[in-house]
Amino acid sequence: MPSSVTTKKRCCKSGPRCKKCPVVWKRLENEGLAVRKDKREWKPTDGKIPKRAMKAARAR
């Protein structure tokens, strides 16, 4: 994962959700794995998001 991720403006509602979806990063923030830097920019807290956590956040 890069040091920060810029999300898309809105969710495209595909399944599973894409990795740049704002809904995915909001879910990761709720789990404590990401911190919001700006309106559309997020930063992983420990540098790398675990694969299981990303898969769970992307699930519909």
PDB file of N, CA and C in Angstrom:
ATOM      1  N   MET A   1       0.833  -1.174   0.000  1.00  0.00           N
ATOM      2  CA  MET A   1       0.000   0.000   0.000  1.00  0.00           C
ATOM      3  C   MET A   1       0.884   1.246   0.000  1.00  0.00           C
ATOM      4  N   PRO A   2       0.476   2.254  -0.731  1.00  0.00           N
ATOM      5  CA  PRO A   2       1.215   3.513  -0.707  1.00  0.00           C
ATOM      6  C   PRO A   2       1.052   4.221   0.636  1.00  0.00           C
ATOM      7  N   SER A   3       1.830   5.281   0.841  1.00  0.00           N
ATOM      8  CA  SER A   3       1.766   5.993   2.118  1.00  0.00           C
ATOM      9  C   SER A   3       0.415   6.668   2.327  1.00  0.00           C
ATOM     10  N   SER A   4      -0.241   7.078   1.248  1.00  0.00           N
ATOM     11  CA  SER A   4      -1.596   7.614   1.352  1.00  0.00           C
ATOM     12  C   SER A   4      -2.376   7.230   0.097  1.00  0.00           C
ATOM     13  N   VAL A   5      -3.699   7.169   0.238  1.00  0.00           N
ATOM     14  CA  VAL A   5      -4.571   6.766  -0.865  1.00  0.00           C
ATOM     15  C   VAL A   5      -5.607   7.852  -1.087  1.00  0.00           C
ATOM     16  N   THR A   6      -5.766   8.273  -2.328  1.00  0.00           N
ATOM     17  CA  THR A   6      -6.818   9.218  -2.688  1.00  0.00           C
ATOM     18  C   THR A   6      -7.979   8.414  -3.250  1.00  0.00           C
ATOM     19  N   THR A   7      -9.130   8.525  -2.613  1.00  0.00           N
ATOM     20  CA  THR A   7     -10.291   7.747  -3.034  1.00  0.00           C
ATOM     21  C   THR A   7     -11.005   8.422  -4.200  1.00  0.00           C
ATOM     22  N   LYS A   8     -11.918   7.664  -4.808  1.00  0.00           N
ATOM     23  CA  LYS A   8     -12.746   8.206  -5.877  1.00  0.00           C
ATOM     24  C   LYS A   8     -13.786   9.142  -5.261  1.00  0.00           C
ATOM     25  N   LYS A   9     -14.457   9.909  -6.093  1.00  0.00           N
ATOM     26  CA  LYS A   9     -15.455  10.848  -5.575  1.00  0.00           C
ATOM     27  C   LYS A   9     -16.681  10.139  -5.035  1.00  0.00           C
ATOM     28  N   ARG A  10     -17.107   9.070  -5.706  1.00  0.00           N
ATOM     29  CA  ARG A  10     -18.269   8.321  -5.231  1.00  0.00           C
ATOM     30  C   ARG A  10     -18.100   6.841  -5.524  1.00  0.00           C
ATOM     31  N   CYS A  11     -18.863   6.051  -4.803  1.00  0.00           N
ATOM     32  CA  CYS A  11     -18.812   4.595  -4.943  1.00  0.00           C
ATOM     33  C   CYS A  11     -19.495   4.184  -6.247  1.00  0.00           C
ATOM     34  N   CYS A  12     -18.872   3.255  -6.985  1.00  0.00           N
ATOM     35  CA  CYS A  12     -19.466   2.778  -8.240  1.00  0.00           C
ATOM     36  C   CYS A  12     -20.398   1.591  -8.006  1.00  0.00           C
ATOM     37  N   LYS A  13     -20.489   1.119  -6.756  1.00  0.00           N
ATOM     38  CA  LYS A  13     -21.399   0.050  -6.341  1.00  0.00           C
ATOM     39  C   LYS A  13     -21.138  -1.281  -7.032  1.00  0.00           C
ATOM     40  N   SER A  14     -19.883  -1.539  -7.395  1.00  0.00           N
ATOM     41  CA  SER A  14     -19.547  -2.843  -7.955  1.00  0.00           C
ATOM     42  C   SER A  14     -19.334  -3.820  -6.810  1.00  0.00           C
ATOM     43  N   GLY A  15     -19.341  -5.094  -7.113  1.00  0.00           N
ATOM     44  CA  GLY A  15     -19.127  -6.082  -6.055  1.00  0.00           C
ATOM     45  C   GLY A  15     -18.046  -7.052  -6.466  1.00  0.00           C
ATOM     46  N   PRO A  16     -16.988  -7.236  -5.706  1.00  0.00           N
ATOM     47  CA  PRO A  16     -16.659  -6.514  -4.478  1.00  0.00           C
ATOM     48  C   PRO A  16     -16.240  -5.067  -4.772  1.00  0.00           C
ATOM     49  N   ARG A  17     -16.354  -4.233  -3.773  1.00  0.00           N
ATOM     50  CA  ARG A  17     -15.999  -2.823  -3.953  1.00  0.00           C
ATOM     51  C   ARG A  17     -14.520  -2.694  -4.323  1.00  0.00           C
ATOM     52  N   CYS A  18     -14.183  -1.679  -5.114  1.00  0.00           N
ATOM     53  CA  CYS A  18     -12.793  -1.496  -5.533  1.00  0.00           C
ATOM     54  C   CYS A  18     -11.956  -0.936  -4.376  1.00  0.00           C
ATOM     55  N   LYS A  19     -10.647  -1.018  -4.525  1.00  0.00           N
ATOM     56  CA  LYS A  19      -9.736  -0.629  -3.446  1.00  0.00           C
ATOM     57  C   LYS A  19      -9.671   0.882  -3.231  1.00  0.00           C
ATOM     58  N   LYS A  20     -10.147   1.665  -4.194  1.00  0.00           N
ATOM     59  CA  LYS A  20     -10.140   3.123  -4.044  1.00  0.00           C
ATOM     60  C   LYS A  20     -11.517   3.671  -3.689  1.00  0.00           C
ATOM     61  N   CYS A  21     -12.406   2.798  -3.299  1.00  0.00           N
ATOM     62  CA  CYS A  21     -13.769   3.200  -2.948  1.00  0.00           C
ATOM     63  C   CYS A  21     -13.774   3.922  -1.596  1.00  0.00           C
ATOM     64  N   PRO A  22     -14.472   5.046  -1.483  1.00  0.00           N
ATOM     65  CA  PRO A  22     -14.517   5.755  -0.199  1.00  0.00           C
ATOM     66  C   PRO A  22     -15.190   4.950   0.911  1.00  0.00           C
ATOM     67  N   VAL A  23     -16.122   4.065   0.547  1.00  0.00           N
ATOM     68  CA  VAL A  23     -16.803   3.234   1.544  1.00  0.00           C
ATOM     69  C   VAL A  23     -15.813   2.265   2.185  1.00  0.00           C
ATOM     70  N   VAL A  24     -14.926   1.692   1.377  1.00  0.00           N
ATOM     71  CA  VAL A  24     -13.915   0.751   1.884  1.00  0.00           C
ATOM     72  C   VAL A  24     -13.023   1.447   2.901  1.00  0.00           C
ATOM     73  N   TRP A  25     -12.570   2.649   2.576  1.00  0.00           N
ATOM     74  CA  TRP A  25     -11.651   3.351   3.478  1.00  0.00           C
ATOM     75  C   TRP A  25     -12.353   3.856   4.731  1.00  0.00           C
ATOM     76  N   LYS A  26     -13.639   4.165   4.640  1.00  0.00           N
ATOM     77  CA  LYS A  26     -14.410   4.534   5.835  1.00  0.00           C
ATOM     78  C   LYS A  26     -14.537   3.329   6.757  1.00  0.00           C
ATOM     79  N   ARG A  27     -14.762   2.151   6.195  1.00  0.00           N
ATOM     80  CA  ARG A  27     -14.834   0.929   6.999  1.00  0.00           C
ATOM     81  C   ARG A  27     -13.492   0.625   7.654  1.00  0.00           C
ATOM     82  N   LEU A  28     -12.399   0.826   6.920  1.00  0.00           N
ATOM     83  CA  LEU A  28     -11.071   0.604   7.493  1.00  0.00           C
ATOM     84  C   LEU A  28     -10.797   1.600   8.622  1.00  0.00           C
ATOM     85  N   GLU A  29     -11.291   2.831   8.472  1.00  0.00           N
ATOM     86  CA  GLU A  29     -11.134   3.824   9.538  1.00  0.00           C
ATOM     87  C   GLU A  29     -11.898   3.385  10.786  1.00  0.00           C
ATOM     88  N   ASN A  30     -13.095   2.866  10.610  1.00  0.00           N
ATOM     89  CA  ASN A  30     -13.895   2.397  11.743  1.00  0.00           C
ATOM     90  C   ASN A  30     -13.222   1.240  12.463  1.00  0.00           C
ATOM     91  N   GLU A  31     -12.437   0.437  11.745  1.00  0.00           N
ATOM     92  CA  GLU A  31     -11.687  -0.677  12.339  1.00  0.00           C
ATOM     93  C   GLU A  31     -10.384  -0.206  12.982  1.00  0.00           C
ATOM     94  N   GLY A  32     -10.016   1.057  12.761  1.00  0.00           N
ATOM     95  CA  GLY A  32      -8.784   1.590  13.328  1.00  0.00           C
ATOM     96  C   GLY A  32      -7.562   1.314  12.479  1.00  0.00           C
ATOM     97  N   LEU A  33      -7.751   0.972  11.198  1.00  0.00           N
ATOM     98  CA  LEU A  33      -6.638   0.629  10.314  1.00  0.00           C
ATOM     99  C   LEU A  33      -6.243   1.768   9.382  1.00  0.00           C
ATOM    100  N   ALA A  34      -7.022   2.840   9.369  1.00  0.00           N
ATOM    101  CA  ALA A  34      -6.726   3.975   8.503  1.00  0.00           C
ATOM    102  C   ALA A  34      -7.115   5.269   9.207  1.00  0.00           C
ATOM    103  N   VAL A  35      -6.452   6.347   8.801  1.00  0.00           N
ATOM    104  CA  VAL A  35      -6.717   7.678   9.353  1.00  0.00           C
ATOM    105  C   VAL A  35      -6.990   8.615   8.185  1.00  0.00           C
ATOM    106  N   ARG A  36      -8.011   9.428   8.325  1.00  0.00           N
ATOM    107  CA  ARG A  36      -8.357  10.378   7.270  1.00  0.00           C
ATOM    108  C   ARG A  36      -7.446  11.594   7.357  1.00  0.00           C
ATOM    109  N   LYS A  37      -6.792  11.935   6.228  1.00  0.00           N
ATOM    110  CA  LYS A  37      -5.921  13.102   6.172  1.00  0.00           C
ATOM    111  C   LYS A  37      -6.649  14.316   5.603  1.00  0.00           C
ATOM    112  N   ASP A  38      -7.515  14.065   4.635  1.00  0.00           N
ATOM    113  CA  ASP A  38      -8.237  15.117   3.941  1.00  0.00           C
ATOM    114  C   ASP A  38      -9.608  14.563   3.567  1.00  0.00           C
ATOM    115  N   LYS A  39     -10.393  15.321   2.851  1.00  0.00           N
ATOM    116  CA  LYS A  39     -11.736  14.844   2.503  1.00  0.00           C
ATOM    117  C   LYS A  39     -11.704  13.529   1.723  1.00  0.00           C
ATOM    118  N   ARG A  40     -10.761  13.408   0.780  1.00  0.00           N
ATOM    119  CA  ARG A  40     -10.676  12.194  -0.034  1.00  0.00           C
ATOM    120  C   ARG A  40      -9.359  11.455   0.130  1.00  0.00           C
ATOM    121  N   GLU A  41      -8.554  11.822   1.090  1.00  0.00           N
ATOM    122  CA  GLU A  41      -7.237  11.197   1.258  1.00  0.00           C
ATOM    123  C   GLU A  41      -7.154  10.464   2.593  1.00  0.00           C
ATOM    124  N   TRP A  42      -6.673   9.219   2.555  1.00  0.00           N
ATOM    125  CA  TRP A  42      -6.579   8.362   3.731  1.00  0.00           C
ATOM    126  C   TRP A  42      -5.166   7.839   3.863  1.00  0.00           C
ATOM    127  N   LYS A  43      -4.772   7.536   5.088  1.00  0.00           N
ATOM    128  CA  LYS A  43      -3.443   6.990   5.344  1.00  0.00           C
ATOM    129  C   LYS A  43      -3.587   5.749   6.219  1.00  0.00           C
ATOM    130  N   PRO A  44      -3.002   4.612   5.802  1.00  0.00           N
ATOM    131  CA  PRO A  44      -3.014   3.429   6.676  1.00  0.00           C
ATOM    132  C   PRO A  44      -2.253   3.725   7.964  1.00  0.00           C
ATOM    133  N   THR A  45      -2.744   3.241   9.106  1.00  0.00           N
ATOM    134  CA  THR A  45      -2.126   3.574  10.388  1.00  0.00           C
ATOM    135  C   THR A  45      -0.758   2.937  10.569  1.00  0.00           C
ATOM    136  N   ASP A  46      -0.614   1.650  10.274  1.00  0.00           N
ATOM    137  CA  ASP A  46       0.666   0.982  10.504  1.00  0.00           C
ATOM    138  C   ASP A  46       1.434   0.732   9.216  1.00  0.00           C
ATOM    139  N   GLY A  47       1.072   1.404   8.137  1.00  0.00           N
ATOM    140  CA  GLY A  47       1.810   1.276   6.890  1.00  0.00           C
ATOM    141  C   GLY A  47       1.238   0.265   5.919  1.00  0.00           C
ATOM    142  N   LYS A  48       0.644  -0.820   6.421  1.00  0.00           N
ATOM    143  CA  LYS A  48       0.116  -1.849   5.539  1.00  0.00           C
ATOM    144  C   LYS A  48      -1.202  -2.377   6.092  1.00  0.00           C
ATOM    145  N   ILE A  49      -2.194  -2.498   5.222  1.00  0.00           N
ATOM    146  CA  ILE A  49      -3.499  -3.033   5.610  1.00  0.00           C
ATOM    147  C   ILE A  49      -3.449  -4.554   5.460  1.00  0.00           C
ATOM    148  N   PRO A  50      -3.825  -5.312   6.495  1.00  0.00           N
ATOM    149  CA  PRO A  50      -3.859  -6.775   6.362  1.00  0.00           C
ATOM    150  C   PRO A  50      -4.839  -7.210   5.264  1.00  0.00           C
ATOM    151  N   LYS A  51      -4.477  -8.283   4.567  1.00  0.00           N
ATOM    152  CA  LYS A  51      -5.282  -8.755   3.439  1.00  0.00           C
ATOM    153  C   LYS A  51      -6.702  -9.128   3.867  1.00  0.00           C
ATOM    154  N   ARG A  52      -6.838  -9.775   5.017  1.00  0.00           N
ATOM    155  CA  ARG A  52      -8.170 -10.166   5.505  1.00  0.00           C
ATOM    156  C   ARG A  52      -9.036  -8.948   5.801  1.00  0.00           C
ATOM    157  N   ALA A  53      -8.429  -7.904   6.361  1.00  0.00           N
ATOM    158  CA  ALA A  53      -9.183  -6.691   6.685  1.00  0.00           C
ATOM    159  C   ALA A  53      -9.653  -5.996   5.408  1.00  0.00           C
ATOM    160  N   MET A  54      -8.781  -5.947   4.395  1.00  0.00           N
ATOM    161  CA  MET A  54      -9.154  -5.320   3.127  1.00  0.00           C
ATOM    162  C   MET A  54     -10.265  -6.118   2.450  1.00  0.00           C
ATOM    163  N   LYS A  55     -10.174  -7.439   2.508  1.00  0.00           N
ATOM    164  CA  LYS A  55     -11.202  -8.293   1.904  1.00  0.00           C
ATOM    165  C   LYS A  55     -12.548  -8.097   2.599  1.00  0.00           C
ATOM    166  N   ALA A  56     -12.527  -7.993   3.924  1.00  0.00           N
ATOM    167  CA  ALA A  56     -13.762  -7.788   4.685  1.00  0.00           C
ATOM    168  C   ALA A  56     -14.363  -6.413   4.388  1.00  0.00           C
ATOM    169  N   ALA A  57     -13.522  -5.395   4.251  1.00  0.00           N
ATOM    170  CA  ALA A  57     -14.009  -4.042   3.978  1.00  0.00           C
ATOM    171  C   ALA A  57     -14.596  -3.932   2.573  1.00  0.00           C
ATOM    172  N   ARG A  58     -14.071  -4.724   1.633  1.00  0.00           N
ATOM    173  CA  ARG A  58     -14.549  -4.677   0.252  1.00  0.00           C
ATOM    174  C   ARG A  58     -15.816  -5.489   0.030  1.00  0.00           C
ATOM    175  N   ALA A  59     -16.175  -6.347   0.971  1.00  0.00           N
ATOM    176  CA  ALA A  59     -17.342  -7.222   0.802  1.00  0.00           C
ATOM    177  C   ALA A  59     -18.628  -6.410   0.730  1.00  0.00           C
ATOM    178  N   ARG A  60     -19.579  -6.902  -0.042  1.00  0.00           N
ATOM    179  CA  ARG A  60     -20.873  -6.224  -0.169  1.00  0.00           C
ATOM    180  C   ARG A  60     -21.854  -6.745   0.815  1.00  0.00           C
TER     181      ARG A  60
END
